[in-house]
Amino acid sequence: MIDTLERIRTGAVAPAARDDAHGRFREGEAVGFVEEEIVAWGNPRETLRGVLEQLADNAELITCLRGADVPLDDETVQALAAGEVEFELSNGGQQSYWWLLSAE
């Protein structure tokens, strides 16, 4: 189990709580993370796509938890994840993040 946990990478997409000090995004725009690093921002579709692409690298499975009030329907999210990596989408109901993701 420890070996598996060491291989898991996490990601998330959330609405920005405030404007970025570096001017990359504004409050309410999508911000995408892989681990603790901001890797994508802007509109929700392209931001989620960027996070999924990075997580898919060397992964077999991506698990996605849908939050409350997501700006994209499940069909769109499934289409963005289409590829060689297995993708599982479930309702997480979290308030602060549109999508929480893990890749293994």
N, C-alpha and C. Protein backbone atom coordinates (compact mmCIF):
# COMPACT_ATOMS: atom_id res chain seq x y z
N MET A 1 0.82 -1.18 0.00
CA MET A 1 0.00 0.00 0.00
C MET A 1 0.87 1.26 0.00
N ILE A 2 1.96 1.24 0.71
CA ILE A 2 2.86 2.40 0.76
C ILE A 2 3.42 2.69 -0.62
N ASP A 3 3.79 1.65 -1.37
CA ASP A 3 4.29 1.85 -2.74
C ASP A 3 3.24 2.52 -3.61
N THR A 4 1.99 2.10 -3.49
CA THR A 4 0.91 2.70 -4.27
C THR A 4 0.71 4.16 -3.88
N LEU A 5 0.70 4.46 -2.60
CA LEU A 5 0.52 5.84 -2.15
C LEU A 5 1.63 6.76 -2.65
N GLU A 6 2.85 6.25 -2.76
CA GLU A 6 3.96 7.06 -3.25
C GLU A 6 3.81 7.40 -4.72
N ARG A 7 3.06 6.60 -5.47
CA ARG A 7 2.88 6.84 -6.91
C ARG A 7 1.67 7.72 -7.22
N ILE A 8 0.81 7.96 -6.26
CA ILE A 8 -0.39 8.75 -6.50
C ILE A 8 -0.03 10.24 -6.57
N ARG A 9 -0.57 10.89 -7.59
CA ARG A 9 -0.43 12.34 -7.73
C ARG A 9 -1.84 12.94 -7.65
N THR A 10 -1.92 14.14 -7.14
CA THR A 10 -3.23 14.77 -6.97
C THR A 10 -3.32 16.04 -7.81
N GLY A 11 -4.56 16.41 -8.09
CA GLY A 11 -4.83 17.63 -8.82
C GLY A 11 -6.16 18.20 -8.39
N ALA A 12 -6.43 19.42 -8.81
CA ALA A 12 -7.69 20.07 -8.47
C ALA A 12 -7.93 21.23 -9.42
N VAL A 13 -9.21 21.57 -9.58
CA VAL A 13 -9.59 22.79 -10.29
C VAL A 13 -10.62 23.48 -9.40
N ALA A 14 -10.39 24.77 -9.18
CA ALA A 14 -11.26 25.55 -8.30
C ALA A 14 -11.40 26.97 -8.85
N PRO A 15 -12.46 27.64 -8.45
CA PRO A 15 -12.55 29.06 -8.81
C PRO A 15 -11.57 29.86 -7.95
N ALA A 16 -10.88 30.81 -8.56
CA ALA A 16 -9.93 31.64 -7.83
C ALA A 16 -10.66 32.46 -6.78
N ALA A 17 -10.14 32.48 -5.58
CA ALA A 17 -10.75 33.23 -4.48
C ALA A 17 -10.43 34.72 -4.57
N ARG A 18 -9.37 35.06 -5.32
CA ARG A 18 -8.97 36.47 -5.48
C ARG A 18 -8.11 36.60 -6.75
N ASP A 19 -7.89 37.81 -7.18
CA ASP A 19 -7.03 38.06 -8.34
C ASP A 19 -5.61 37.61 -8.01
N ASP A 20 -4.93 37.05 -9.01
CA ASP A 20 -3.54 36.62 -8.85
C ASP A 20 -2.62 37.84 -8.83
N ALA A 21 -1.68 37.87 -7.92
CA ALA A 21 -0.74 38.98 -7.80
C ALA A 21 0.13 39.12 -9.05
N HIS A 22 0.29 38.02 -9.81
CA HIS A 22 1.12 38.04 -11.02
C HIS A 22 0.30 38.29 -12.29
N GLY A 23 -1.02 38.51 -12.11
CA GLY A 23 -1.87 38.83 -13.24
C GLY A 23 -2.28 37.66 -14.12
N ARG A 24 -2.08 36.42 -13.65
CA ARG A 24 -2.43 35.25 -14.46
C ARG A 24 -3.93 35.01 -14.53
N PHE A 25 -4.65 35.27 -13.45
CA PHE A 25 -6.09 35.02 -13.41
C PHE A 25 -6.75 36.01 -12.46
N ARG A 26 -8.08 36.09 -12.61
CA ARG A 26 -8.87 36.99 -11.79
C ARG A 26 -9.82 36.18 -10.90
N GLU A 27 -10.32 36.81 -9.88
CA GLU A 27 -11.25 36.15 -8.97
C GLU A 27 -12.40 35.51 -9.75
N GLY A 28 -12.70 34.25 -9.43
CA GLY A 28 -13.79 33.52 -10.07
C GLY A 28 -13.37 32.70 -11.27
N GLU A 29 -12.22 33.01 -11.88
CA GLU A 29 -11.74 32.21 -13.01
C GLU A 29 -11.21 30.87 -12.48
N ALA A 30 -11.11 29.90 -13.36
CA ALA A 30 -10.63 28.58 -12.97
C ALA A 30 -9.11 28.59 -12.74
N VAL A 31 -8.69 27.89 -11.70
CA VAL A 31 -7.28 27.70 -11.40
C VAL A 31 -7.05 26.20 -11.22
N GLY A 32 -6.06 25.66 -11.94
CA GLY A 32 -5.79 24.22 -11.88
C GLY A 32 -4.46 23.93 -11.21
N PHE A 33 -4.47 22.92 -10.37
CA PHE A 33 -3.28 22.52 -9.61
C PHE A 33 -2.92 21.07 -9.92
N VAL A 34 -1.63 20.78 -9.93
CA VAL A 34 -1.13 19.42 -9.84
C VAL A 34 -0.19 19.45 -8.65
N GLU A 35 -0.51 18.60 -7.68
CA GLU A 35 0.12 18.67 -6.36
C GLU A 35 -0.10 20.09 -5.83
N GLU A 36 0.92 20.82 -5.47
CA GLU A 36 0.76 22.16 -4.91
C GLU A 36 1.02 23.26 -5.93
N GLU A 37 1.33 22.89 -7.17
CA GLU A 37 1.72 23.86 -8.20
C GLU A 37 0.53 24.26 -9.08
N ILE A 38 0.40 25.54 -9.33
CA ILE A 38 -0.60 26.03 -10.28
C ILE A 38 -0.07 25.74 -11.68
N VAL A 39 -0.86 24.97 -12.45
CA VAL A 39 -0.40 24.55 -13.78
C VAL A 39 -1.27 25.06 -14.92
N ALA A 40 -2.47 25.55 -14.61
CA ALA A 40 -3.38 26.03 -15.65
C ALA A 40 -4.36 27.01 -15.03
N TRP A 41 -4.87 27.93 -15.85
CA TRP A 41 -5.85 28.89 -15.38
C TRP A 41 -6.60 29.47 -16.57
N GLY A 42 -7.74 30.06 -16.26
CA GLY A 42 -8.56 30.67 -17.31
C GLY A 42 -9.97 30.12 -17.26
N ASN A 43 -10.47 29.65 -18.42
CA ASN A 43 -11.82 29.10 -18.43
C ASN A 43 -11.80 27.67 -17.87
N PRO A 44 -12.90 27.22 -17.29
CA PRO A 44 -12.93 25.91 -16.64
C PRO A 44 -12.57 24.74 -17.55
N ARG A 45 -13.07 24.75 -18.79
CA ARG A 45 -12.82 23.64 -19.71
C ARG A 45 -11.33 23.46 -20.00
N GLU A 46 -10.68 24.53 -20.40
CA GLU A 46 -9.25 24.43 -20.75
C GLU A 46 -8.38 24.19 -19.51
N THR A 47 -8.80 24.73 -18.39
CA THR A 47 -8.04 24.51 -17.16
C THR A 47 -8.12 23.05 -16.74
N LEU A 48 -9.32 22.48 -16.76
CA LEU A 48 -9.46 21.06 -16.43
C LEU A 48 -8.69 20.20 -17.42
N ARG A 49 -8.75 20.54 -18.70
CA ARG A 49 -8.01 19.79 -19.71
C ARG A 49 -6.50 19.79 -19.39
N GLY A 50 -5.97 20.94 -19.02
CA GLY A 50 -4.55 21.04 -18.69
C GLY A 50 -4.16 20.18 -17.50
N VAL A 51 -4.99 20.18 -16.47
CA VAL A 51 -4.71 19.36 -15.29
C VAL A 51 -4.80 17.87 -15.65
N LEU A 52 -5.83 17.49 -16.39
CA LEU A 52 -5.98 16.08 -16.79
C LEU A 52 -4.80 15.60 -17.63
N GLU A 53 -4.34 16.43 -18.55
CA GLU A 53 -3.20 16.04 -19.39
C GLU A 53 -1.96 15.79 -18.55
N GLN A 54 -1.71 16.66 -17.58
CA GLN A 54 -0.53 16.47 -16.74
C GLN A 54 -0.66 15.24 -15.84
N LEU A 55 -1.85 15.03 -15.30
CA LEU A 55 -2.04 13.86 -14.44
C LEU A 55 -1.99 12.55 -15.22
N ALA A 56 -2.40 12.57 -16.48
CA ALA A 56 -2.45 11.35 -17.28
C ALA A 56 -1.06 10.81 -17.61
N ASP A 57 -0.06 11.66 -17.57
CA ASP A 57 1.30 11.23 -17.89
C ASP A 57 1.75 10.14 -16.92
N ASN A 58 2.01 8.94 -17.44
CA ASN A 58 2.45 7.78 -16.66
C ASN A 58 1.40 7.25 -15.69
N ALA A 59 0.14 7.55 -15.92
CA ALA A 59 -0.93 7.07 -15.04
C ALA A 59 -1.75 6.00 -15.76
N GLU A 60 -2.38 5.13 -14.98
CA GLU A 60 -3.29 4.12 -15.50
C GLU A 60 -4.74 4.50 -15.21
N LEU A 61 -4.96 5.24 -14.12
CA LEU A 61 -6.31 5.58 -13.67
C LEU A 61 -6.33 6.99 -13.10
N ILE A 62 -7.33 7.76 -13.51
CA ILE A 62 -7.59 9.07 -12.89
C ILE A 62 -8.98 8.99 -12.25
N THR A 63 -9.05 9.33 -10.98
CA THR A 63 -10.31 9.40 -10.26
C THR A 63 -10.65 10.87 -10.06
N CYS A 64 -11.88 11.23 -10.34
CA CYS A 64 -12.32 12.63 -10.26
C CYS A 64 -13.56 12.73 -9.39
N LEU A 65 -13.51 13.62 -8.42
CA LEU A 65 -14.67 13.90 -7.57
C LEU A 65 -15.24 15.25 -7.97
N ARG A 66 -16.49 15.24 -8.40
CA ARG A 66 -17.19 16.45 -8.82
C ARG A 66 -17.69 17.20 -7.59
N GLY A 67 -17.44 18.50 -7.56
CA GLY A 67 -17.90 19.32 -6.47
C GLY A 67 -19.28 19.90 -6.74
N ALA A 68 -19.74 20.70 -5.81
CA ALA A 68 -21.03 21.38 -5.96
C ALA A 68 -20.89 22.51 -6.97
N ASP A 69 -21.92 22.76 -7.73
CA ASP A 69 -21.98 23.90 -8.65
C ASP A 69 -20.86 23.92 -9.68
N VAL A 70 -20.51 22.77 -10.24
CA VAL A 70 -19.48 22.72 -11.28
C VAL A 70 -19.97 23.42 -12.54
N PRO A 71 -19.06 24.07 -13.28
CA PRO A 71 -19.47 24.80 -14.48
C PRO A 71 -19.54 23.95 -15.75
N LEU A 72 -19.19 22.67 -15.68
CA LEU A 72 -19.23 21.78 -16.84
C LEU A 72 -20.05 20.54 -16.50
N ASP A 73 -20.81 20.04 -17.47
CA ASP A 73 -21.57 18.82 -17.22
C ASP A 73 -20.66 17.59 -17.28
N ASP A 74 -21.15 16.49 -16.75
CA ASP A 74 -20.34 15.27 -16.67
C ASP A 74 -19.93 14.77 -18.05
N GLU A 75 -20.78 14.91 -19.04
CA GLU A 75 -20.47 14.46 -20.40
C GLU A 75 -19.25 15.21 -20.95
N THR A 76 -19.18 16.49 -20.72
CA THR A 76 -18.03 17.30 -21.16
C THR A 76 -16.77 16.87 -20.43
N VAL A 77 -16.88 16.64 -19.13
CA VAL A 77 -15.72 16.21 -18.34
C VAL A 77 -15.22 14.85 -18.84
N GLN A 78 -16.13 13.93 -19.08
CA GLN A 78 -15.75 12.60 -19.61
C GLN A 78 -15.04 12.75 -20.94
N ALA A 79 -15.52 13.63 -21.82
CA ALA A 79 -14.90 13.83 -23.13
C ALA A 79 -13.49 14.41 -22.99
N LEU A 80 -13.30 15.31 -22.04
CA LEU A 80 -11.97 15.89 -21.82
C LEU A 80 -10.98 14.84 -21.34
N ALA A 81 -11.48 13.83 -20.64
CA ALA A 81 -10.62 12.79 -20.08
C ALA A 81 -10.39 11.63 -21.04
N ALA A 82 -11.06 11.65 -22.19
CA ALA A 82 -10.94 10.54 -23.14
C ALA A 82 -9.48 10.36 -23.55
N GLY A 83 -9.05 9.13 -23.54
CA GLY A 83 -7.67 8.81 -23.91
C GLY A 83 -7.35 7.41 -23.46
N GLU A 84 -6.09 7.17 -23.22
CA GLU A 84 -5.63 5.83 -22.87
C GLU A 84 -5.72 5.54 -21.37
N VAL A 85 -6.00 6.55 -20.58
CA VAL A 85 -6.07 6.40 -19.13
C VAL A 85 -7.52 6.13 -18.73
N GLU A 86 -7.73 5.15 -17.86
CA GLU A 86 -9.07 4.89 -17.33
C GLU A 86 -9.50 6.09 -16.49
N PHE A 87 -10.77 6.46 -16.56
CA PHE A 87 -11.27 7.64 -15.88
C PHE A 87 -12.54 7.31 -15.12
N GLU A 88 -12.57 7.65 -13.84
CA GLU A 88 -13.75 7.44 -13.00
C GLU A 88 -14.21 8.78 -12.46
N LEU A 89 -15.49 9.08 -12.64
CA LEU A 89 -16.06 10.34 -12.17
C LEU A 89 -17.17 10.04 -11.17
N SER A 90 -17.09 10.67 -10.00
CA SER A 90 -18.09 10.48 -8.95
C SER A 90 -18.44 11.83 -8.35
N ASN A 91 -19.58 11.87 -7.66
CA ASN A 91 -19.99 13.08 -6.97
C ASN A 91 -19.31 13.14 -5.61
N GLY A 92 -18.54 14.20 -5.39
CA GLY A 92 -17.93 14.42 -4.09
C GLY A 92 -18.69 15.45 -3.27
N GLY A 93 -19.33 16.39 -3.96
CA GLY A 93 -20.13 17.41 -3.30
C GLY A 93 -19.35 18.49 -2.58
N GLN A 94 -18.03 18.52 -2.73
CA GLN A 94 -17.22 19.52 -2.03
C GLN A 94 -17.57 20.92 -2.51
N GLN A 95 -17.48 21.88 -1.61
CA GLN A 95 -17.89 23.26 -1.88
C GLN A 95 -16.79 24.11 -2.53
N SER A 96 -15.57 23.96 -2.12
CA SER A 96 -14.51 24.88 -2.54
C SER A 96 -13.84 24.52 -3.87
N TYR A 97 -13.90 23.27 -4.24
CA TYR A 97 -13.24 22.82 -5.47
C TYR A 97 -14.26 22.28 -6.45
N TRP A 98 -14.14 22.67 -7.73
CA TRP A 98 -15.03 22.11 -8.74
C TRP A 98 -14.71 20.64 -8.96
N TRP A 99 -13.41 20.30 -9.06
CA TRP A 99 -13.01 18.91 -9.25
C TRP A 99 -11.77 18.63 -8.41
N LEU A 100 -11.78 17.50 -7.72
CA LEU A 100 -10.61 16.96 -7.03
C LEU A 100 -10.22 15.70 -7.78
N LEU A 101 -8.92 15.55 -8.07
CA LEU A 101 -8.47 14.43 -8.90
C LEU A 101 -7.30 13.71 -8.27
N SER A 102 -7.20 12.43 -8.56
CA SER A 102 -6.01 11.66 -8.19
C SER A 102 -5.65 10.77 -9.36
N ALA A 103 -4.36 10.56 -9.54
CA ALA A 103 -3.87 9.72 -10.63
C ALA A 103 -2.94 8.68 -10.04
N GLU A 104 -3.14 7.45 -10.51
CA GLU A 104 -2.25 6.37 -10.06
C GLU A 104 -1.84 5.51 -11.23
